[in-house]
Amino acid sequence: MAKRVTTRVWVKVLTADEKAAIGARCERLISDKLKPLYLPEVRPTEFNYPIDMFGRWRGSKYSFIVRFRSGWPDNLGEEFDAGYARLDHVEESIQELRFDVMWHRHTGQWWRLHAALMLDEALPEVERMIPPV
């Protein structure tokens, strides 16, 4: 019979205060830079069009999201969210907070563009990513 081997790994979990501080910095990036650059006004079209940009925590991941409204006649006015960038907290980094910068591919999968960046390094990378607007 095979022996079960257990290994223990130290990880750093984000506290509520850390999440709040990171979320505030990300929201500031969205409101000060991303919205004025990519969504200065809402322009309705006959297709899906962006109406808002915001961020949201899901576990240890912070997603940058664009909300769309449908202009198609069969579902006029329906809204949906589409994430385009994400900061994944690297829990194995115990000394400081580090994040993987992820990009949402057209296939529905998240693709890591940058690994283990500090928040000050990760936010400019997210700023360079063009949202689907």
N, C-alpha and C. Protein backbone atom coordinates (compact mmCIF):
# COMPACT_ATOMS: atom_id res chain seq x y z
N MET A 1 0.85 -1.18 0.00
CA MET A 1 0.00 0.00 0.00
C MET A 1 0.89 1.24 0.00
N ALA A 2 0.53 2.22 -0.81
CA ALA A 2 1.32 3.44 -0.93
C ALA A 2 1.10 4.32 0.29
N LYS A 3 2.18 4.98 0.69
CA LYS A 3 2.10 5.92 1.81
C LYS A 3 1.61 7.27 1.31
N ARG A 4 0.82 7.89 2.11
CA ARG A 4 0.35 9.23 1.79
C ARG A 4 1.38 10.23 2.29
N VAL A 5 1.84 11.07 1.40
CA VAL A 5 2.82 12.09 1.75
C VAL A 5 2.10 13.43 1.84
N THR A 6 2.26 14.11 2.94
CA THR A 6 1.66 15.43 3.09
C THR A 6 2.77 16.46 3.19
N THR A 7 2.59 17.52 2.50
CA THR A 7 3.53 18.64 2.59
C THR A 7 2.75 19.86 3.04
N ARG A 8 3.42 20.69 3.78
CA ARG A 8 2.79 21.91 4.26
C ARG A 8 3.46 23.10 3.62
N VAL A 9 2.63 24.03 3.20
CA VAL A 9 3.12 25.23 2.54
C VAL A 9 2.55 26.43 3.28
N TRP A 10 3.42 27.38 3.60
CA TRP A 10 2.96 28.62 4.22
C TRP A 10 2.39 29.51 3.13
N VAL A 11 1.21 30.07 3.40
CA VAL A 11 0.59 30.99 2.46
C VAL A 11 0.12 32.22 3.21
N LYS A 12 0.03 33.33 2.47
CA LYS A 12 -0.47 34.58 3.05
C LYS A 12 -1.86 34.84 2.48
N VAL A 13 -2.83 34.90 3.35
CA VAL A 13 -4.21 35.17 2.96
C VAL A 13 -4.47 36.66 3.15
N LEU A 14 -5.21 37.25 2.21
CA LEU A 14 -5.53 38.67 2.31
C LEU A 14 -6.52 38.92 3.44
N THR A 15 -6.25 39.95 4.23
CA THR A 15 -7.17 40.35 5.28
C THR A 15 -8.23 41.28 4.68
N ALA A 16 -9.27 41.53 5.42
CA ALA A 16 -10.33 42.44 4.95
C ALA A 16 -9.80 43.85 4.74
N ASP A 17 -8.89 44.30 5.61
CA ASP A 17 -8.31 45.64 5.46
C ASP A 17 -7.44 45.73 4.20
N GLU A 18 -6.66 44.69 3.94
CA GLU A 18 -5.83 44.67 2.74
C GLU A 18 -6.70 44.67 1.48
N LYS A 19 -7.76 43.89 1.50
CA LYS A 19 -8.67 43.87 0.36
C LYS A 19 -9.31 45.23 0.13
N ALA A 20 -9.69 45.89 1.21
CA ALA A 20 -10.31 47.21 1.09
C ALA A 20 -9.34 48.22 0.51
N ALA A 21 -8.08 48.19 0.97
CA ALA A 21 -7.07 49.13 0.47
C ALA A 21 -6.76 48.86 -1.01
N ILE A 22 -6.62 47.61 -1.37
CA ILE A 22 -6.33 47.25 -2.76
C ILE A 22 -7.52 47.62 -3.64
N GLY A 23 -8.73 47.32 -3.18
CA GLY A 23 -9.93 47.66 -3.93
C GLY A 23 -10.07 49.16 -4.14
N ALA A 24 -9.71 49.94 -3.14
CA ALA A 24 -9.79 51.40 -3.27
C ALA A 24 -8.81 51.90 -4.33
N ARG A 25 -7.60 51.34 -4.35
CA ARG A 25 -6.62 51.75 -5.37
C ARG A 25 -7.07 51.36 -6.77
N CYS A 26 -7.66 50.17 -6.89
CA CYS A 26 -8.15 49.72 -8.19
C CYS A 26 -9.33 50.57 -8.65
N GLU A 27 -10.25 50.89 -7.74
CA GLU A 27 -11.38 51.74 -8.09
C GLU A 27 -10.92 53.14 -8.51
N ARG A 28 -9.88 53.65 -7.85
CA ARG A 28 -9.32 54.94 -8.22
C ARG A 28 -8.74 54.89 -9.64
N LEU A 29 -8.06 53.79 -9.98
CA LEU A 29 -7.54 53.61 -11.33
C LEU A 29 -8.68 53.60 -12.34
N ILE A 30 -9.75 52.89 -12.02
CA ILE A 30 -10.89 52.81 -12.93
C ILE A 30 -11.53 54.18 -13.13
N SER A 31 -11.81 54.88 -12.04
CA SER A 31 -12.53 56.16 -12.14
C SER A 31 -11.66 57.28 -12.69
N ASP A 32 -10.37 57.30 -12.36
CA ASP A 32 -9.50 58.40 -12.77
C ASP A 32 -8.89 58.21 -14.15
N LYS A 33 -8.62 56.97 -14.55
CA LYS A 33 -7.90 56.76 -15.81
C LYS A 33 -8.67 55.94 -16.83
N LEU A 34 -9.19 54.79 -16.43
CA LEU A 34 -9.79 53.89 -17.41
C LEU A 34 -11.12 54.41 -17.96
N LYS A 35 -12.02 54.85 -17.08
CA LYS A 35 -13.31 55.35 -17.56
C LYS A 35 -13.16 56.58 -18.46
N PRO A 36 -12.38 57.60 -18.05
CA PRO A 36 -12.24 58.77 -18.95
C PRO A 36 -11.59 58.42 -20.29
N LEU A 37 -10.70 57.44 -20.29
CA LEU A 37 -10.00 57.09 -21.52
C LEU A 37 -10.85 56.23 -22.45
N TYR A 38 -11.49 55.20 -21.90
CA TYR A 38 -12.19 54.23 -22.74
C TYR A 38 -13.70 54.38 -22.76
N LEU A 39 -14.27 55.07 -21.78
CA LEU A 39 -15.72 55.20 -21.71
C LEU A 39 -16.12 56.61 -21.26
N PRO A 40 -15.73 57.63 -22.05
CA PRO A 40 -16.06 58.99 -21.62
C PRO A 40 -17.56 59.28 -21.68
N GLU A 41 -18.28 58.57 -22.55
CA GLU A 41 -19.73 58.72 -22.63
C GLU A 41 -20.34 57.41 -23.12
N VAL A 42 -21.60 57.21 -22.82
CA VAL A 42 -22.31 56.01 -23.26
C VAL A 42 -22.95 56.32 -24.61
N ARG A 43 -22.59 55.53 -25.61
CA ARG A 43 -23.13 55.72 -26.96
C ARG A 43 -23.94 54.48 -27.35
N PRO A 44 -25.27 54.54 -27.24
CA PRO A 44 -26.09 53.38 -27.61
C PRO A 44 -25.93 53.05 -29.09
N THR A 45 -25.89 51.75 -29.36
CA THR A 45 -25.82 51.25 -30.74
C THR A 45 -26.85 50.15 -30.89
N GLU A 46 -26.95 49.62 -32.08
CA GLU A 46 -27.88 48.52 -32.31
C GLU A 46 -27.30 47.19 -31.86
N PHE A 47 -26.03 47.19 -31.42
CA PHE A 47 -25.37 45.98 -30.93
C PHE A 47 -25.18 46.09 -29.42
N ASN A 48 -24.32 45.28 -28.85
CA ASN A 48 -23.96 45.40 -27.43
C ASN A 48 -23.01 46.58 -27.28
N TYR A 49 -23.27 47.43 -26.30
CA TYR A 49 -22.42 48.61 -26.10
C TYR A 49 -22.11 48.76 -24.61
N PRO A 50 -20.90 49.28 -24.28
CA PRO A 50 -20.50 49.41 -22.88
C PRO A 50 -21.22 50.58 -22.21
N ILE A 51 -21.58 50.36 -20.94
CA ILE A 51 -22.25 51.43 -20.20
C ILE A 51 -21.53 51.77 -18.90
N ASP A 52 -20.64 50.88 -18.43
CA ASP A 52 -19.96 51.14 -17.16
C ASP A 52 -18.72 50.27 -17.03
N MET A 53 -17.81 50.69 -16.17
CA MET A 53 -16.63 49.93 -15.81
C MET A 53 -16.54 49.93 -14.29
N PHE A 54 -16.17 48.78 -13.72
CA PHE A 54 -16.05 48.69 -12.27
C PHE A 54 -15.17 47.49 -11.93
N GLY A 55 -14.92 47.31 -10.65
CA GLY A 55 -14.12 46.18 -10.18
C GLY A 55 -14.86 45.41 -9.11
N ARG A 56 -14.43 44.16 -8.90
CA ARG A 56 -15.13 43.32 -7.92
C ARG A 56 -14.17 42.24 -7.42
N TRP A 57 -14.22 41.98 -6.12
CA TRP A 57 -13.47 40.88 -5.52
C TRP A 57 -14.25 39.59 -5.67
N ARG A 58 -13.53 38.52 -5.94
CA ARG A 58 -14.09 37.17 -5.88
C ARG A 58 -13.00 36.30 -5.28
N GLY A 59 -13.15 36.05 -3.98
CA GLY A 59 -12.11 35.32 -3.26
C GLY A 59 -10.86 36.16 -3.16
N SER A 60 -9.74 35.65 -3.67
CA SER A 60 -8.47 36.39 -3.64
C SER A 60 -8.15 37.00 -4.99
N LYS A 61 -9.15 37.18 -5.83
CA LYS A 61 -8.96 37.72 -7.18
C LYS A 61 -9.79 38.99 -7.34
N TYR A 62 -9.16 40.04 -7.88
CA TYR A 62 -9.86 41.29 -8.14
C TYR A 62 -10.03 41.42 -9.65
N SER A 63 -11.27 41.48 -10.12
CA SER A 63 -11.56 41.55 -11.55
C SER A 63 -11.92 42.96 -11.97
N PHE A 64 -11.43 43.35 -13.15
CA PHE A 64 -11.80 44.60 -13.80
C PHE A 64 -12.87 44.23 -14.83
N ILE A 65 -14.05 44.87 -14.72
CA ILE A 65 -15.22 44.42 -15.45
C ILE A 65 -15.84 45.57 -16.25
N VAL A 66 -16.33 45.23 -17.43
CA VAL A 66 -17.09 46.17 -18.26
C VAL A 66 -18.53 45.66 -18.31
N ARG A 67 -19.48 46.54 -18.02
CA ARG A 67 -20.90 46.19 -18.11
C ARG A 67 -21.41 46.65 -19.48
N PHE A 68 -22.10 45.74 -20.16
CA PHE A 68 -22.64 46.01 -21.48
C PHE A 68 -24.16 46.00 -21.43
N ARG A 69 -24.76 46.75 -22.33
CA ARG A 69 -26.21 46.73 -22.52
C ARG A 69 -26.47 46.30 -23.96
N SER A 70 -27.49 45.51 -24.14
CA SER A 70 -27.81 45.00 -25.46
C SER A 70 -28.68 45.99 -26.22
N GLY A 71 -28.35 46.18 -27.48
CA GLY A 71 -29.16 47.02 -28.35
C GLY A 71 -29.90 46.20 -29.39
N TRP A 72 -29.74 44.88 -29.32
CA TRP A 72 -30.42 43.99 -30.27
C TRP A 72 -31.93 44.05 -30.03
N PRO A 73 -32.72 43.99 -31.08
CA PRO A 73 -34.18 44.09 -30.90
C PRO A 73 -34.79 42.98 -30.05
N ASP A 74 -34.24 41.76 -30.13
CA ASP A 74 -34.86 40.64 -29.40
C ASP A 74 -34.55 40.65 -27.90
N ASN A 75 -33.51 41.36 -27.46
CA ASN A 75 -33.23 41.44 -26.02
C ASN A 75 -32.81 42.87 -25.65
N LEU A 76 -33.51 43.82 -26.17
CA LEU A 76 -33.22 45.23 -25.97
C LEU A 76 -33.18 45.60 -24.49
N GLY A 77 -32.10 46.22 -24.07
CA GLY A 77 -31.97 46.71 -22.70
C GLY A 77 -31.39 45.73 -21.70
N GLU A 78 -31.23 44.47 -22.05
CA GLU A 78 -30.62 43.51 -21.12
C GLU A 78 -29.15 43.87 -20.92
N GLU A 79 -28.66 43.64 -19.70
CA GLU A 79 -27.28 43.97 -19.37
C GLU A 79 -26.52 42.73 -18.94
N PHE A 80 -25.21 42.75 -19.20
CA PHE A 80 -24.34 41.66 -18.76
C PHE A 80 -22.95 42.21 -18.49
N ASP A 81 -22.19 41.48 -17.69
CA ASP A 81 -20.83 41.88 -17.32
C ASP A 81 -19.82 41.01 -18.03
N ALA A 82 -18.70 41.62 -18.40
CA ALA A 82 -17.60 40.89 -19.03
C ALA A 82 -16.29 41.34 -18.40
N GLY A 83 -15.61 40.43 -17.73
CA GLY A 83 -14.31 40.75 -17.17
C GLY A 83 -13.26 40.75 -18.27
N TYR A 84 -12.28 41.65 -18.15
CA TYR A 84 -11.22 41.68 -19.15
C TYR A 84 -9.83 41.60 -18.54
N ALA A 85 -9.71 41.94 -17.27
CA ALA A 85 -8.42 41.86 -16.59
C ALA A 85 -8.67 41.42 -15.15
N ARG A 86 -7.63 40.82 -14.55
CA ARG A 86 -7.80 40.32 -13.19
C ARG A 86 -6.45 40.33 -12.48
N LEU A 87 -6.48 40.65 -11.20
CA LEU A 87 -5.31 40.54 -10.34
C LEU A 87 -5.51 39.33 -9.43
N ASP A 88 -4.67 38.33 -9.59
CA ASP A 88 -4.73 37.13 -8.74
C ASP A 88 -3.67 37.24 -7.65
N HIS A 89 -4.10 37.20 -6.41
CA HIS A 89 -3.17 37.27 -5.30
C HIS A 89 -2.30 36.02 -5.27
N VAL A 90 -0.99 36.21 -5.18
CA VAL A 90 -0.05 35.10 -5.10
C VAL A 90 0.13 34.78 -3.62
N GLU A 91 -0.50 33.73 -3.16
CA GLU A 91 -0.52 33.41 -1.74
C GLU A 91 0.80 32.87 -1.23
N GLU A 92 1.65 32.34 -2.13
CA GLU A 92 2.93 31.78 -1.71
C GLU A 92 3.95 32.86 -1.34
N SER A 93 3.70 34.10 -1.72
CA SER A 93 4.59 35.21 -1.39
C SER A 93 4.22 35.71 0.01
N ILE A 94 5.03 35.35 0.99
CA ILE A 94 4.72 35.67 2.38
C ILE A 94 5.21 37.06 2.77
N GLN A 95 6.32 37.50 2.19
CA GLN A 95 6.94 38.76 2.60
C GLN A 95 6.13 39.99 2.20
N GLU A 96 5.65 40.02 0.93
CA GLU A 96 4.89 41.17 0.46
C GLU A 96 3.75 40.70 -0.41
N LEU A 97 2.83 41.61 -0.66
CA LEU A 97 1.69 41.28 -1.51
C LEU A 97 2.13 41.28 -2.97
N ARG A 98 1.87 40.19 -3.65
CA ARG A 98 2.21 40.06 -5.07
C ARG A 98 1.00 39.54 -5.82
N PHE A 99 0.92 39.93 -7.09
CA PHE A 99 -0.23 39.58 -7.91
C PHE A 99 0.21 39.11 -9.29
N ASP A 100 -0.54 38.14 -9.82
CA ASP A 100 -0.42 37.76 -11.22
C ASP A 100 -1.42 38.61 -11.99
N VAL A 101 -0.98 39.20 -13.10
CA VAL A 101 -1.87 39.99 -13.95
C VAL A 101 -2.41 39.06 -15.03
N MET A 102 -3.74 38.91 -15.02
CA MET A 102 -4.40 37.97 -15.92
C MET A 102 -5.23 38.74 -16.96
N TRP A 103 -5.34 38.13 -18.14
CA TRP A 103 -6.10 38.69 -19.24
C TRP A 103 -7.15 37.68 -19.66
N HIS A 104 -8.37 38.13 -19.91
CA HIS A 104 -9.46 37.23 -20.29
C HIS A 104 -9.46 37.05 -21.81
N ARG A 105 -9.19 35.83 -22.23
CA ARG A 105 -9.13 35.51 -23.65
C ARG A 105 -10.52 35.33 -24.23
N HIS A 106 -10.61 35.40 -25.54
CA HIS A 106 -11.88 35.20 -26.24
C HIS A 106 -12.41 33.77 -26.06
N THR A 107 -11.54 32.86 -25.64
CA THR A 107 -11.95 31.47 -25.42
C THR A 107 -12.64 31.28 -24.07
N GLY A 108 -12.64 32.31 -23.24
CA GLY A 108 -13.25 32.21 -21.92
C GLY A 108 -12.25 31.86 -20.83
N GLN A 109 -11.00 31.61 -21.19
CA GLN A 109 -9.98 31.27 -20.20
C GLN A 109 -9.19 32.52 -19.82
N TRP A 110 -8.66 32.47 -18.60
CA TRP A 110 -7.81 33.55 -18.13
C TRP A 110 -6.36 33.18 -18.44
N TRP A 111 -5.61 34.13 -18.98
CA TRP A 111 -4.23 33.92 -19.40
C TRP A 111 -3.33 34.83 -18.57
N ARG A 112 -2.29 34.26 -17.95
CA ARG A 112 -1.37 35.06 -17.14
C ARG A 112 -0.39 35.80 -18.03
N LEU A 113 -0.41 37.13 -17.94
CA LEU A 113 0.52 37.96 -18.70
C LEU A 113 1.77 38.29 -17.92
N HIS A 114 1.61 38.55 -16.63
CA HIS A 114 2.73 38.91 -15.76
C HIS A 114 2.59 38.15 -14.45
N ALA A 115 3.71 37.66 -13.94
CA ALA A 115 3.67 36.85 -12.72
C ALA A 115 4.30 37.58 -11.55
N ALA A 116 3.67 37.47 -10.41
CA ALA A 116 4.19 37.90 -9.11
C ALA A 116 4.69 39.34 -9.09
N LEU A 117 3.84 40.27 -9.54
CA LEU A 117 4.18 41.69 -9.48
C LEU A 117 3.61 42.30 -8.21
N MET A 118 4.30 43.30 -7.69
CA MET A 118 3.76 44.07 -6.58
C MET A 118 2.63 44.95 -7.13
N LEU A 119 1.75 45.43 -6.28
CA LEU A 119 0.59 46.19 -6.72
C LEU A 119 0.99 47.42 -7.52
N ASP A 120 2.05 48.11 -7.11
CA ASP A 120 2.51 49.29 -7.83
C ASP A 120 3.00 48.95 -9.24
N GLU A 121 3.44 47.73 -9.45
CA GLU A 121 3.87 47.28 -10.77
C GLU A 121 2.70 46.71 -11.57
N ALA A 122 1.73 46.11 -10.90
CA ALA A 122 0.62 45.44 -11.57
C ALA A 122 -0.41 46.43 -12.13
N LEU A 123 -0.69 47.50 -11.40
CA LEU A 123 -1.73 48.44 -11.85
C LEU A 123 -1.39 49.12 -13.18
N PRO A 124 -0.12 49.55 -13.41
CA PRO A 124 0.19 50.10 -14.74
C PRO A 124 0.03 49.07 -15.86
N GLU A 125 0.27 47.81 -15.57
CA GLU A 125 0.06 46.77 -16.58
C GLU A 125 -1.42 46.63 -16.91
N VAL A 126 -2.28 46.71 -15.90
CA VAL A 126 -3.72 46.66 -16.15
C VAL A 126 -4.15 47.90 -16.94
N GLU A 127 -3.54 49.04 -16.63
CA GLU A 127 -3.88 50.28 -17.34
C GLU A 127 -3.55 50.18 -18.83
N ARG A 128 -2.51 49.44 -19.17
CA ARG A 128 -2.11 49.27 -20.57
C ARG A 128 -3.03 48.32 -21.34
N MET A 129 -3.76 47.48 -20.62
CA MET A 129 -4.65 46.52 -21.27
C MET A 129 -5.90 47.25 -21.78
N ILE A 130 -6.27 46.99 -23.00
CA ILE A 130 -7.42 47.68 -23.60
C ILE A 130 -8.69 46.87 -23.33
N PRO A 131 -9.66 47.48 -22.64
CA PRO A 131 -10.91 46.76 -22.36
C PRO A 131 -11.74 46.60 -23.64
N PRO A 132 -12.66 45.65 -23.65
CA PRO A 132 -13.49 45.41 -24.83
C PRO A 132 -14.62 46.42 -24.96
N VAL A 133 -14.28 47.67 -25.26
CA VAL A 133 -15.32 48.69 -25.39
C VAL A 133 -15.44 49.13 -26.83
